[in-house]
């Protein structure tokens, strides 16, 4: 039952980074999705990365990998994503879960663009605890700060253990 002042989320975007916090991240997202207006929320579970063919190479990206290699890499990452979150999804029947693997030079930008495309109204993500060694520079580089300022949705950040 949702109280009158509780937010209702319909499109929950979960950015999975394969850290040890992945199960806890998915548990939180599942609780939010299940409790949001009696169900009906979609969990968009994504992994964003810079694949080998987009990294700096002595060859051009087209020469660095074939389409077959790129498709195989995407299939492996998608299987890895499903394996990471699968136990939580299995324990939470009735969830509408959609998976995506996003490739780009800037993974945070890929997540932002995906979030806009699916009209995400909440982003759930993991981030390591800031060390404080770099001060303002560290905050500027922290993807959580960027997400909060650029995505028109609240961001739930689960900090590292």
Foldseek 3Di string as FASTA:
>chain_A
DDDPPDAAWAEEEEEDAPDPCLQVLLLVVLVRQCPHPNHNHEYEYEYEDADPLNDDDPDHSCVVDPPVVVVVVQVVVQVVSCVSHVVVDVVRPPHHYHYDYHHDPDRLVRSQVVCVVVVGQEYEYEEEDDPCPVPPVCCVPGSVNVCCVRHPHYYHYDYDD
